[in-house]
Protein backbone atom coordinates (compact mmCIF):
# COMPACT_ATOMS: atom_id res chain seq x y z
CA MET A 1 0.00 0.00 0.00
CA ASP A 2 2.81 2.42 0.82
CA LYS A 3 4.40 1.89 -2.59
CA ILE A 4 1.06 2.49 -4.30
CA PHE A 5 0.53 5.73 -2.38
CA LEU A 6 4.04 6.92 -3.17
CA ARG A 7 3.43 6.30 -6.87
CA LEU A 8 0.14 8.19 -6.73
CA ILE A 9 1.90 11.15 -5.15
CA ARG A 10 4.40 11.18 -8.03
CA TRP A 11 1.53 12.19 -10.32
CA PHE A 12 1.52 15.59 -8.59
CA ASP A 13 5.26 16.13 -8.99
CA PRO A 14 4.89 18.79 -11.70
CA VAL A 15 2.50 20.83 -9.54
CA MET A 16 4.71 20.63 -6.44
CA ALA A 17 7.92 21.23 -8.39
CA GLY A 18 6.39 24.33 -9.90
CA ALA A 19 5.57 25.55 -6.37
CA GLY A 20 9.20 25.15 -5.25
CA VAL A 21 9.21 21.71 -3.59
CA ASN A 22 12.31 19.50 -3.99
CA ILE A 23 10.75 16.33 -5.40
CA HIS A 24 13.66 13.97 -4.71
CA GLN A 25 13.99 15.05 -1.10
CA LEU A 26 10.21 14.87 -0.63
CA ASN A 27 9.95 11.27 -1.83
CA GLU A 28 12.91 10.16 0.28
CA ILE A 29 11.50 11.79 3.44
CA LEU A 30 8.10 10.17 2.83
CA ARG A 31 9.65 6.76 2.25
CA ILE A 32 11.57 6.91 5.56
CA LYS A 33 8.57 8.20 7.50
CA LEU A 34 6.33 5.40 6.20
CA LEU A 35 8.99 2.85 7.04
CA MET A 36 9.13 4.19 10.61
CA ASP A 37 5.32 4.17 10.84
CA ASN A 38 5.21 0.46 10.03
CA ARG A 39 7.51 -0.18 12.99
CA ARG A 40 5.51 1.95 15.41
CA PRO A 41 2.38 0.63 17.19
CA ARG A 42 -0.88 2.54 16.65
CA ASN A 43 -2.84 4.35 19.38
CA LEU A 44 -6.26 3.32 18.12
CA PHE A 45 -7.61 0.09 19.70
CA SER A 46 -4.27 -0.49 21.40
CA THR A 47 -3.71 -2.17 24.75
CA ARG A 48 -0.87 -2.09 27.22
CA ARG A 49 0.83 -5.08 28.73
CA GLY A 50 0.62 -4.13 32.36
CA ALA A 51 1.96 -1.18 34.28
CA ALA A 52 5.56 -2.38 34.07
CA ASN A 53 5.43 -2.18 30.27
CA ALA A 54 3.20 0.87 30.08
CA SER A 55 5.04 2.33 27.12
CA LYS A 56 4.57 -0.83 25.01
CA LYS A 57 1.30 -1.04 23.08
CA VAL A 58 -0.17 -3.91 21.15
CA THR A 59 -2.56 -3.03 18.33
CA ASN A 60 -5.04 -5.39 16.72
CA PRO A 61 -5.26 -4.25 13.07
CA TRP A 62 -8.25 -6.51 12.37
CA LEU A 63 -10.18 -4.88 15.19
CA VAL A 64 -9.39 -1.43 13.76
CA THR A 65 -10.55 -2.55 10.30
CA PHE A 66 -13.76 -4.10 11.61
CA PHE A 67 -14.91 -1.07 13.61
CA THR A 68 -13.92 1.33 10.82
CA MET A 69 -15.95 -0.62 8.25
CA LEU A 70 -18.86 -0.90 10.69
CA MET A 71 -18.85 2.89 11.05
CA GLY A 72 -18.73 3.19 7.26
CA LEU A 73 -21.76 0.90 7.01
CA PHE A 74 -23.82 3.12 9.31
CA ILE A 75 -22.77 6.25 7.42
CA GLY A 76 -23.61 4.59 4.10
CA MET A 77 -27.26 4.34 5.14
CA LEU A 78 -27.48 8.12 4.72
CA LEU A 79 -27.26 7.58 0.95
CA PHE A 80 -30.82 6.18 1.10
CA PHE A 81 -32.12 8.91 3.44
CA ASN A 82 -33.28 11.33 0.74
CA ASP A 83 -34.87 10.78 -2.66
CA MET A 84 -32.61 13.42 -4.21
CA PRO A 85 -29.12 11.96 -4.91
CA LEU A 86 -27.37 15.29 -4.28
CA THR A 87 -28.92 15.62 -0.82
CA GLY A 88 -28.20 12.00 0.16
CA HIS A 89 -24.56 12.30 -0.89
CA THR A 90 -24.27 15.60 0.97
CA TYR A 91 -25.50 13.98 4.20
CA TYR A 92 -23.02 11.14 3.70
CA PHE A 93 -19.99 13.34 3.10
CA THR A 94 -20.92 15.73 5.90
CA VAL A 95 -20.64 12.93 8.46
CA PHE A 96 -17.66 11.42 6.64
CA MET A 97 -15.70 14.69 6.66
CA VAL A 98 -16.54 15.44 10.30
CA LEU A 99 -15.16 12.05 11.33
CA MET A 100 -12.05 12.58 9.22
CA CYS A 101 -11.45 16.02 10.73
CA PHE A 102 -11.92 14.58 14.21
CA THR A 103 -9.32 11.89 13.45
CA LEU A 104 -6.89 14.51 12.17
CA VAL A 105 -7.35 16.78 15.17
CA SER A 106 -7.07 13.99 17.74
CA ASP A 107 -4.29 11.84 16.23
CA PHE A 108 -2.24 13.87 13.76
CA THR A 109 -1.67 17.26 15.35
CA THR A 110 1.55 15.98 16.87
CA VAL A 111 2.70 14.77 13.43
CA LEU A 112 2.35 18.23 11.91
CA ILE A 113 4.14 20.10 14.71
CA ASP A 114 6.55 17.32 15.72
CA THR A 115 9.97 18.89 16.36
CA ARG A 116 12.00 15.72 16.79
CA ASP A 117 13.00 15.22 13.17
CA GLN A 118 14.25 18.81 13.11
CA PHE A 119 17.47 17.54 14.66
CA ILE A 120 18.03 15.46 11.49
CA LEU A 121 16.52 17.65 8.77
CA LEU A 122 17.36 21.14 10.00
CA PRO A 123 21.19 20.86 9.57
CA ARG A 124 20.66 19.62 6.00
CA PRO A 125 19.71 21.66 2.93
CA VAL A 126 15.97 20.92 3.11
CA ASP A 127 13.79 23.99 2.63
CA ASP A 128 10.56 24.96 4.39
CA ARG A 129 8.25 24.02 1.55
CA THR A 130 9.62 20.48 1.28
CA ILE A 131 9.30 19.79 5.01
CA ALA A 132 5.79 21.28 5.27
CA VAL A 133 4.53 19.36 2.24
CA SER A 134 6.19 16.12 3.43
CA ARG A 135 4.29 16.33 6.72
CA ILE A 136 0.97 17.05 5.03
CA LEU A 137 1.46 14.17 2.56
CA HIS A 138 2.58 11.88 5.39
CA ILE A 139 -0.69 12.59 7.17
CA THR A 140 -2.56 12.23 3.88
CA ILE A 141 -1.23 8.72 3.23
CA TYR A 142 -2.18 7.48 6.68
CA VAL A 143 -5.63 9.08 6.61
CA LEU A 144 -6.26 7.71 3.11
CA ARG A 145 -5.87 4.18 4.47
CA LEU A 146 -8.51 4.90 7.09
CA ALA A 147 -10.75 6.74 4.61
CA LEU A 148 -10.71 3.92 2.06
CA ILE A 149 -11.61 1.32 4.69
CA GLN A 150 -14.37 3.52 6.08
CA GLY A 151 -15.63 4.38 2.60
CA LEU A 152 -15.67 0.81 1.27
CA PRO A 153 -19.25 0.07 2.44
CA GLY A 154 -20.38 3.37 0.90
CA ILE A 155 -18.73 2.48 -2.42
CA ILE A 156 -20.78 -0.72 -2.51
CA MET A 157 -24.02 0.81 -1.23
CA VAL A 158 -24.00 3.79 -3.61
CA ALA A 159 -24.52 1.48 -6.59
CA PHE A 160 -27.84 0.40 -5.05
CA ALA A 161 -28.79 3.91 -3.88
CA ASP A 162 -28.22 5.46 -7.32
CA LYS A 163 -29.26 2.31 -9.24
CA ASN A 164 -26.13 2.69 -11.35
CA VAL A 165 -22.98 0.56 -11.24
CA LEU A 166 -20.84 3.49 -12.46
CA ALA A 167 -21.61 5.33 -9.22
CA ALA A 168 -19.30 2.95 -7.30
CA PRO A 169 -15.94 3.94 -8.93
CA LEU A 170 -17.05 7.57 -8.92
CA MET A 171 -17.68 7.27 -5.19
CA LEU A 172 -14.01 6.37 -4.76
CA VAL A 173 -13.04 9.66 -6.42
CA GLU A 174 -15.44 11.56 -4.15
CA ILE A 175 -13.94 9.92 -1.06
CA LEU A 176 -10.47 10.98 -2.20
CA GLU A 177 -11.72 14.54 -2.70
CA ALA A 178 -13.31 14.62 0.75
CA THR A 179 -10.17 13.26 2.41
CA PHE A 180 -7.89 15.78 0.72
CA LEU A 181 -10.24 18.63 1.63
CA CYS A 182 -10.33 17.58 5.31
CA ILE A 183 -6.54 17.39 5.47
CA LEU A 184 -6.09 20.77 3.82
CA ILE A 185 -8.74 22.49 5.96
CA VAL A 186 -7.18 21.29 9.24
CA ASN A 187 -3.63 22.05 8.07
CA LEU A 188 -4.61 25.48 6.75
CA ILE A 189 -5.98 26.36 10.19
CA TYR A 190 -2.89 25.06 11.99
CA LEU A 191 -0.35 26.68 9.67
CA ALA A 192 -2.21 29.99 9.75
CA MET A 193 -2.19 29.88 13.56
CA MET A 194 1.56 29.15 13.57
CA ARG A 195 2.16 32.31 11.54
CA SER A 196 -0.12 34.56 13.59
CA VAL A 197 0.53 33.66 17.27
CA ASN A 198 3.60 32.96 19.37
CA PRO A 199 4.63 29.32 19.96
CA GLN A 200 3.39 29.07 23.55
CA LYS A 201 -0.05 30.41 22.67
CA PHE A 202 -0.10 28.16 19.63
CA LYS A 203 0.34 25.07 21.81
CA ASP A 204 -2.43 26.23 24.12
CA LEU A 205 -4.75 27.06 21.22
CA ILE A 206 -4.18 23.65 19.68
CA SER A 207 -5.05 21.96 22.97
CA TYR A 208 -8.24 23.96 23.44
CA PHE A 209 -9.14 23.51 19.78
CA GLN A 210 -8.88 19.74 20.20
CA ILE A 211 -10.94 19.84 23.40
CA GLY A 212 -13.61 22.00 21.78
CA PHE A 213 -13.76 19.77 18.73
CA THR A 214 -14.16 16.68 20.93
CA ILE A 215 -17.09 18.31 22.74
CA LEU A 216 -18.60 19.38 19.41
CA ILE A 217 -18.50 15.82 18.03
CA PHE A 218 -20.05 14.52 21.26
CA ALA A 219 -22.83 17.12 21.05
CA VAL A 220 -23.55 16.42 17.39
CA TYR A 221 -23.70 12.68 18.01
CA TYR A 222 -26.10 12.89 20.96
CA LEU A 223 -28.11 16.07 20.44
CA LEU A 224 -28.48 16.50 16.70
CA PRO A 225 -30.87 13.54 16.28
CA ARG A 226 -33.00 15.01 19.11
CA LEU A 227 -33.11 18.55 17.72
CA ILE A 228 -33.73 17.99 14.02
CA ASP A 229 -36.89 16.98 12.24
CA LYS A 230 -36.02 13.82 10.30
CA SER A 231 -39.08 14.10 8.07
CA ALA A 232 -38.00 17.61 7.03
CA LEU A 233 -34.49 16.35 6.25
CA ALA A 234 -35.86 13.50 4.16
CA GLY A 235 -37.64 15.95 1.87
CA MET A 236 -35.11 18.79 1.90
CA ASP A 237 -33.93 20.41 -1.32
CA LEU A 238 -30.47 21.70 -0.45
CA LEU A 239 -30.03 23.92 -3.48
CA SER A 240 -33.02 25.99 -2.42
CA HIS A 241 -30.91 27.36 0.46
CA TRP A 242 -28.10 29.83 -0.24
CA TRP A 243 -25.80 28.47 2.50
CA ALA A 244 -25.63 25.08 0.79
CA TYR A 245 -23.41 26.51 -1.96
CA ILE A 246 -20.54 27.21 0.46
CA LEU A 247 -20.49 23.72 2.02
CA PRO A 248 -17.64 21.45 0.80
CA PRO A 249 -19.82 18.27 1.07
CA VAL A 250 -22.18 19.83 -1.50
CA TRP A 251 -19.25 20.41 -3.88
CA ILE A 252 -18.23 16.76 -3.59
CA ALA A 253 -21.79 15.44 -3.98
CA ALA A 254 -22.21 17.58 -7.11
CA LEU A 255 -19.70 15.40 -8.99
CA ASN A 256 -21.98 12.36 -8.62
CA HIS A 257 -24.97 14.44 -9.71
CA VAL A 258 -23.23 15.64 -12.87
CA LEU A 259 -21.87 12.28 -14.07
CA VAL A 260 -24.49 9.80 -12.80
CA HIS A 261 -27.63 11.95 -13.11
CA PRO A 262 -26.85 14.29 -16.04
CA SER A 263 -30.55 14.82 -16.86
CA GLN A 264 -31.03 16.62 -13.50
CA THR A 265 -27.88 18.75 -13.80
CA ASN A 266 -27.67 22.48 -14.42
CA ILE A 267 -24.82 24.94 -14.78
CA ILE A 268 -24.70 25.71 -11.04
CA ILE A 269 -24.28 22.05 -10.07
CA SER A 270 -21.57 21.67 -12.73
CA LEU A 271 -19.67 24.65 -11.30
CA LEU A 272 -19.95 23.16 -7.79
CA ALA A 273 -18.52 19.87 -9.07
CA ILE A 274 -15.57 21.70 -10.66
CA LEU A 275 -15.04 23.62 -7.41
CA GLY A 276 -14.91 20.36 -5.43
CA PHE A 277 -12.32 18.95 -7.81
CA VAL A 278 -10.12 22.07 -7.99
CA SER A 279 -10.22 23.19 -4.32
CA PRO A 280 -7.80 20.50 -2.98
CA LEU A 281 -5.19 21.47 -5.60
CA ALA A 282 -5.72 25.16 -4.93
CA GLY A 283 -5.42 24.57 -1.19
CA LEU A 284 -2.17 22.65 -1.62
CA TRP A 285 -0.75 25.47 -3.76
CA PHE A 286 -1.76 28.04 -1.12
CA VAL A 287 -0.06 26.02 1.64
CA VAL A 288 3.17 25.69 -0.35
CA LYS A 289 3.36 29.27 -1.60
CA VAL A 290 1.97 31.28 1.32
CA LEU A 291 2.03 29.30 4.59
CA ALA A 292 5.03 26.98 4.18
CA PRO A 293 7.80 29.64 4.05
CA GLY A 294 9.23 30.01 7.55
CA PHE A 295 7.90 26.60 8.65
CA ASN A 296 11.33 25.39 9.86
CA LYS A 297 11.91 28.55 11.85
CA LYS A 298 8.53 28.25 13.54
CA LEU A 299 9.21 24.63 14.48
CA ALA A 300 12.61 25.52 15.90
CA VAL A 301 11.04 28.23 18.06
CA LEU A 302 8.24 25.85 19.03
CA ALA A 303 10.75 23.30 20.32
CA THR A 304 12.31 25.80 22.73
CA SER A 305 9.25 27.85 23.64
CA ASP A 306 8.61 26.18 26.99
CA SER A 307 11.99 27.12 28.42
CA ASN A 308 12.35 30.56 26.87
CA ASP A 309 8.93 32.05 27.39
CA THR A 310 9.85 34.64 30.00
CA THR A 311 6.75 36.69 29.30
CA ALA A 312 4.50 33.87 30.52
CA ALA A 313 6.57 33.59 33.69
CA VAL A 314 6.11 37.29 34.40
CA LYS A 315 2.35 37.02 33.86
CA LYS A 316 2.11 34.18 36.41
CA ILE A 317 3.32 36.32 39.32
CA TYR A 318 -0.19 37.35 40.36
CA LYS A 319 -1.53 33.82 39.91
CA GLN A 320 1.28 32.49 42.10
CA ASP A 321 0.34 34.89 44.92
CA PHE A 322 -3.34 33.97 44.64
CA ARG A 323 -2.48 30.26 44.64
CA ASP A 324 -0.39 30.69 47.78
CA LYS A 325 -3.27 32.32 49.63
CA VAL A 326 -5.76 29.65 48.57
CA ALA A 327 -3.36 26.81 49.42
CA ASN A 328 -2.53 28.24 52.86
CA PHE A 329 -6.21 28.69 53.67
CA ILE A 330 -7.51 25.32 52.43
CA ALA A 331 -4.48 23.14 53.26
CA PRO A 332 -2.61 24.61 56.24
CA ASP A 333 -0.61 21.42 56.94
CA PRO A 334 2.83 21.69 55.20
CA ILE A 335 2.67 18.27 53.51
CA GLU A 336 -0.96 18.70 52.53
CA ASN A 337 -0.10 22.18 51.27
CA ALA A 338 2.66 20.70 49.09
CA GLY A 339 0.24 18.14 47.62
CA PHE A 340 -2.24 20.93 46.93
CA ARG A 341 0.30 23.12 45.13
CA ILE A 342 1.93 20.41 43.03
CA THR A 343 -1.50 19.15 41.91
CA TRP A 344 -2.70 22.65 41.05
CA LYS A 345 0.47 23.54 39.11
CA LEU A 346 0.84 20.30 37.18
CA ALA A 347 -2.87 20.06 36.35
CA ALA A 348 -2.85 23.62 34.99
CA ARG A 349 0.29 23.02 32.89
CA THR A 350 0.00 19.41 31.68
CA ARG A 351 -1.64 19.28 28.25
CA GLU A 352 -2.28 15.54 28.29
CA PHE A 353 -4.31 15.94 31.49
CA LYS A 354 -6.31 18.80 29.94
CA MET A 355 -7.00 16.79 26.80
CA LYS A 356 -8.45 13.90 28.81
CA ALA A 357 -10.23 15.71 31.63
CA TYR A 358 -11.48 19.00 30.21
CA PRO A 359 -14.02 17.52 27.74
CA SER A 360 -16.04 16.29 30.72
CA PHE A 361 -17.10 19.90 31.38
CA GLY A 362 -18.95 19.89 28.09
CA PHE A 363 -20.29 16.36 28.48
CA VAL A 364 -22.42 17.27 31.51
CA PRO A 365 -24.83 19.77 29.83
CA ILE A 366 -24.89 17.62 26.68
CA MET A 367 -25.86 14.49 28.62
CA PHE A 368 -28.49 16.49 30.53
CA LEU A 369 -30.11 17.68 27.31
CA TYR A 370 -29.86 14.21 25.81
CA ILE A 371 -31.67 12.64 28.76
CA THR A 372 -34.33 15.32 29.13
CA LEU A 373 -35.04 15.72 25.39
CA SER A 374 -35.46 12.00 24.83
CA GLY A 375 -38.94 10.80 24.02
CA ARG A 376 -41.45 11.10 21.22
CA GLY A 377 -44.64 12.97 20.52
CA ALA A 378 -43.60 16.48 21.54
CA SER A 379 -41.93 19.40 19.84
CA ILE A 380 -38.60 20.83 20.93
CA ALA A 381 -40.31 23.86 22.51
CA ASP A 382 -42.63 21.61 24.51
CA LYS A 383 -39.70 19.53 25.72
CA PHE A 384 -37.84 22.62 26.95
CA ASN A 385 -40.97 23.86 28.74
CA ARG A 386 -41.32 20.45 30.36
CA ILE A 387 -37.71 20.65 31.57
CA GLN A 388 -38.37 23.93 33.38
CA SER A 389 -41.67 22.83 34.90
CA GLY A 390 -40.35 19.53 36.32
CA GLN A 391 -37.62 18.47 38.73
CA ASN A 392 -35.02 17.72 36.09
CA TYR A 393 -32.47 19.88 37.88
CA PHE A 394 -31.66 16.80 40.01
CA ILE A 395 -30.26 15.17 36.86
CA VAL A 396 -27.88 18.00 36.00
CA LEU A 397 -26.69 18.39 39.60
CA TYR A 398 -25.72 14.76 39.95
CA LEU A 399 -24.37 14.52 36.42
CA SER A 400 -21.68 16.93 37.63
CA THR A 401 -20.00 13.91 39.22
CA ILE A 402 -18.80 13.09 35.68
CA VAL A 403 -16.39 16.01 36.01
CA LEU A 404 -15.30 14.97 39.50
CA SER A 405 -14.68 11.33 38.64
CA SER A 406 -12.89 12.27 35.41
CA MET A 407 -10.53 14.63 37.23
CA LEU A 408 -9.78 12.13 39.98
CA THR A 409 -9.17 9.35 37.47
CA TYR A 410 -6.65 11.23 35.35
CA ILE A 411 -4.93 13.27 38.09
CA SER A 412 -2.78 10.30 39.10
CA GLN A 413 -1.77 9.34 35.53
CA SER A 414 1.10 10.71 33.49
CA GLU A 415 3.33 9.73 30.58
CA LYS A 416 6.26 10.94 32.71
CA TYR A 417 5.26 9.02 35.80
CA LYS A 418 8.86 7.98 36.57
CA ALA A 419 9.49 11.46 37.94
CA SER A 420 7.27 10.50 40.92
CA TRP A 421 10.31 8.97 42.66
CA VAL A 422 10.55 12.27 44.52
CA TYR A 423 7.48 11.32 46.61
CA TYR A 424 9.20 8.21 47.90
CA ALA A 425 12.55 9.92 48.47
CA LEU A 426 11.12 12.48 50.88
CA PRO A 427 10.71 11.71 54.61
CA ILE A 428 6.90 11.61 54.57
CA ASP A 429 5.20 9.26 57.04
CA GLN A 430 1.62 9.91 55.93
CA PRO A 431 1.20 10.11 52.14
CA GLY A 432 -2.51 10.56 52.77
CA LYS A 433 -1.78 14.23 53.43
CA ILE A 434 -0.52 14.56 49.84
CA LEU A 435 -3.66 12.76 48.65
CA SER A 436 -5.84 15.06 50.73
CA GLY A 437 -4.10 18.10 49.25
CA MET A 438 -4.60 16.63 45.78
CA TYR A 439 -8.31 16.15 46.40
CA LYS A 440 -8.73 19.67 47.77
CA ALA A 441 -6.90 21.08 44.75
CA ILE A 442 -9.22 19.23 42.35
CA ILE A 443 -12.28 20.49 44.24
CA SER A 444 -11.15 24.12 44.49
CA LEU A 445 -9.58 24.41 41.02
CA TYR A 446 -12.14 22.53 38.93
CA TYR A 447 -15.22 21.10 40.58
CA LEU A 448 -16.30 23.96 42.86
CA PRO A 449 -16.22 26.68 40.12
CA PHE A 450 -17.99 24.36 37.69
CA TYR A 451 -20.65 23.40 40.24
CA PHE A 452 -21.12 27.05 41.21
CA ILE A 453 -21.89 27.95 37.59
CA LEU A 454 -24.14 24.91 37.30
CA GLY A 455 -25.94 25.67 40.56
CA THR A 456 -26.41 29.31 39.63
CA GLY A 457 -28.02 28.27 36.36
CA VAL A 458 -30.31 25.85 38.19
CA VAL A 459 -31.41 28.57 40.63
CA LEU A 460 -32.06 31.03 37.80
CA VAL A 461 -34.17 28.52 35.85
CA TRP A 462 -36.04 26.74 38.65
CA GLY A 463 -36.16 29.50 41.24
CA PRO A 464 -34.58 30.21 44.67
CA GLN A 465 -36.59 27.44 46.32
CA VAL A 466 -34.08 24.88 44.99
CA ILE A 467 -31.06 26.42 46.79
CA ASN A 468 -31.21 23.81 49.54
CA ASP A 469 -31.28 21.05 46.93
CA VAL A 470 -28.20 22.55 45.25
CA ILE A 471 -26.28 22.63 48.57
CA LEU A 472 -27.27 19.11 49.61
CA ALA A 473 -26.45 17.71 46.16
CA PHE A 474 -23.00 19.33 46.35
CA LEU A 475 -22.26 17.66 49.69
CA LEU A 476 -23.47 14.27 48.42
CA CYS A 477 -21.30 14.64 45.32
CA MET A 478 -18.36 15.53 47.57
CA MET A 479 -18.97 12.33 49.55
CA TYR A 480 -19.06 10.39 46.29
CA GLY A 481 -15.75 11.99 45.29
CA VAL A 482 -14.12 10.98 48.56
CA LEU A 483 -15.33 7.39 48.06
CA ILE A 484 -13.79 7.36 44.58
CA ALA A 485 -10.56 8.71 46.01
CA LEU A 486 -10.59 6.16 48.85
CA PHE A 487 -11.27 3.01 46.87
CA SER A 488 -10.30 3.76 43.27
CA VAL A 489 -7.76 6.60 43.12
CA LYS A 490 -5.00 6.12 45.66
CA GLY A 491 -2.19 7.10 43.32
CA LEU A 492 -0.20 10.20 44.18
CA PRO A 493 -0.46 13.15 41.74
CA PHE A 494 0.82 12.18 38.26
CA SER A 495 2.59 9.10 39.63
CA LYS A 496 1.02 6.24 37.63
CA PRO A 497 1.45 5.17 34.00
CA VAL A 498 -1.40 5.96 31.65
CA MET A 499 -3.99 3.19 31.20
CA ALA A 500 -2.47 0.93 33.81
CA LYS A 501 -4.28 -2.40 33.86
CA GLN A 502 -6.97 -2.75 36.51
CA GLY A 503 -7.93 -5.98 38.17
CA GLY A 504 -11.40 -7.45 38.45
CA GLY A 505 -11.73 -6.35 42.07
CA ARG A 506 -11.06 -2.74 41.10
CA ALA A 507 -13.71 -2.91 38.38
CA VAL A 508 -16.31 -4.17 40.87
CA THR A 509 -15.36 -1.38 43.28
CA ASN A 510 -15.79 1.22 40.55
CA LEU A 511 -19.21 -0.18 39.66
CA VAL A 512 -20.36 -0.08 43.27
CA THR A 513 -19.20 3.51 43.81
CA MET A 514 -20.82 4.62 40.54
CA SER A 515 -24.15 3.07 41.53
CA LEU A 516 -23.96 4.75 44.94
CA ILE A 517 -24.40 8.25 43.53
CA GLY A 518 -27.57 7.05 41.82
CA VAL A 519 -28.93 5.76 45.12
CA LEU A 520 -28.04 9.00 46.92
CA GLY A 521 -29.57 11.09 44.14
CA TYR A 522 -32.78 9.07 44.20
CA ALA A 523 -33.05 9.39 47.99
CA HIS A 524 -32.57 13.14 47.64
CA TYR A 525 -35.28 13.23 44.95
CA MET A 526 -37.74 11.42 47.25
CA LEU A 527 -37.17 14.08 49.94
CA ARG A 528 -37.83 17.01 47.59
CA HIS A 529 -41.28 17.82 49.09
CA TRP A 530 -39.92 18.23 52.65
CA GLU A 531 -37.93 21.45 52.44
CA THR A 532 -37.12 21.56 56.15
CA THR A 533 -35.81 18.00 56.08
CA ILE A 534 -33.45 18.90 53.26
CA TRP A 535 -32.11 21.91 55.16
CA ILE A 536 -31.60 19.76 58.28
CA SER A 537 -29.87 17.02 56.24
CA ILE A 538 -27.18 19.45 55.12
CA ILE A 539 -25.54 19.51 58.58
CA PRO A 540 -24.99 15.74 59.05
CA MET A 541 -23.86 15.41 55.40
CA LEU A 542 -21.31 18.17 55.97
CA ILE A 543 -19.98 16.41 59.07
CA LEU A 544 -19.89 13.03 57.30
CA THR A 545 -17.98 14.54 54.37
CA TRP A 546 -15.42 16.03 56.75
CA VAL A 547 -15.01 12.68 58.56
CA MET A 548 -14.49 10.80 55.29
CA LEU A 549 -11.93 13.34 54.13
CA TYR A 550 -10.15 13.05 57.51
CA TYR A 551 -9.97 9.27 57.08
CA TYR A 552 -8.67 9.71 53.53
CA ARG A 553 -5.97 11.99 54.93
CA ARG A 554 -4.69 9.14 57.13
CA GLN A 555 -3.82 6.79 54.23
CA THR A 556 -0.48 5.00 54.63
CA TRP A 557 2.19 3.81 52.23
CA GLU A 558 0.95 0.24 52.71
CA SER A 559 -2.58 1.08 51.53
CA ILE A 560 -1.20 2.88 48.46
CA GLU A 561 1.03 -0.07 47.56
CA LEU A 562 -1.85 -2.52 48.00
CA SER A 563 -4.05 -0.42 45.71
CA GLU A 564 -1.49 -0.81 42.89
CA VAL A 565 -1.54 -4.61 43.00
């Protein structure tokens, strides 16, 4: 497959040579990169062989192929969703391109801005255009493999949807167009950002862009089917709306309409088909001519930005003072104070922790709307009115534990976990104080501000009479968090390898603690009519939470070592 892709790329040699790319260097760089890829395990559907070999992954390629083709089968059903071929193909390529862009953002950002090969290529006479294009084509080859597997069911199904065998090979061309467009759109955004912002901000923007895109995909998957009228989509005529003409999926679908259904084609559809065919080539030319110059210099600065960004250090002076005051107030014990500060600092600076934990902030409102908007026989307006008139605020309050459990799960994991030797080298008799400081840092830095915003929204929507429910739910969620920390998360901050294997006993413990919050939430819901009882219940719950946190603070080295078995 690699040789076939390399030969296909040679077809574009005249275009790239005319733009200033060194063709011989480009092909040699691609050949070496593909050879290295074949020796490197994949992240998707990979497993780890225990905590001792946490850096070694084993990938099942057949499992990857099966799930990719299964996803392609579900997407292919959109080809039959509308009687108009142009609309059905547009629906198909909209979902197809969104999934491709999500794959690029989640898996290939590091490939584009990887600075490691600069140590080999930078001292040699390889210009900016050649390196930038080699990285884009490297990503293109890998994504094309995934796109062809995912598009294979659609290639077969389109012959039945269009009742024309010639639609199948044409579908292959459309899939190639869609893949190239996705790659160019994502890379255009990234390269433009590299030219317009400083390296440190670029890294932060990339992280938040990935987090936002993850939340967007989650929202589209769960909420879009609840918010759209499927009968209206089935009979929609896209070309009757002006905004359809600026959508890339419409450009790609127009090619099928022109060649397979020529009797229904007009001059506008023909121009859209030409635009879909020309735009990838035009985008590649724009990248090479406008964005690629200076690419090496930007990467070199990016590699040293963390250590040389003195401006960021100056801006953190006020934050450091504020953090000191909060830490001294919440965690007065010196060891607990140290656990609080190291958790706060590392959580705020570690991008891998942000990438895993931050999406949970968006999952909570999305899951709330998904649960409350489920059901048939009512319009969207009626469903929103029903939300406000009922007691659905209990759902959103207790769904906030998704954020708490996510933070506690990932706070003890790190790719650089070997640096945690410092915990064991210090003369600390009670590591539970570090754990207590870690828990307080998670609550004060993440959960409390998020719950305050959530609780304020609940009070504004359902009225001030639910304030006692908001306070009691917060204390019950705090108790749930302490139970998770006690039985499931005994690792010190950023001290465990990522995805360490869990035993069957740990899985049962996690299931029991997860079901507990449902029981507590249901008991709270049953007490909703007795306002005085809820106010009185706040005091014993506050005392119980303090007692549980005190017990958690007394954890020993033996209990931590046993939890890792």
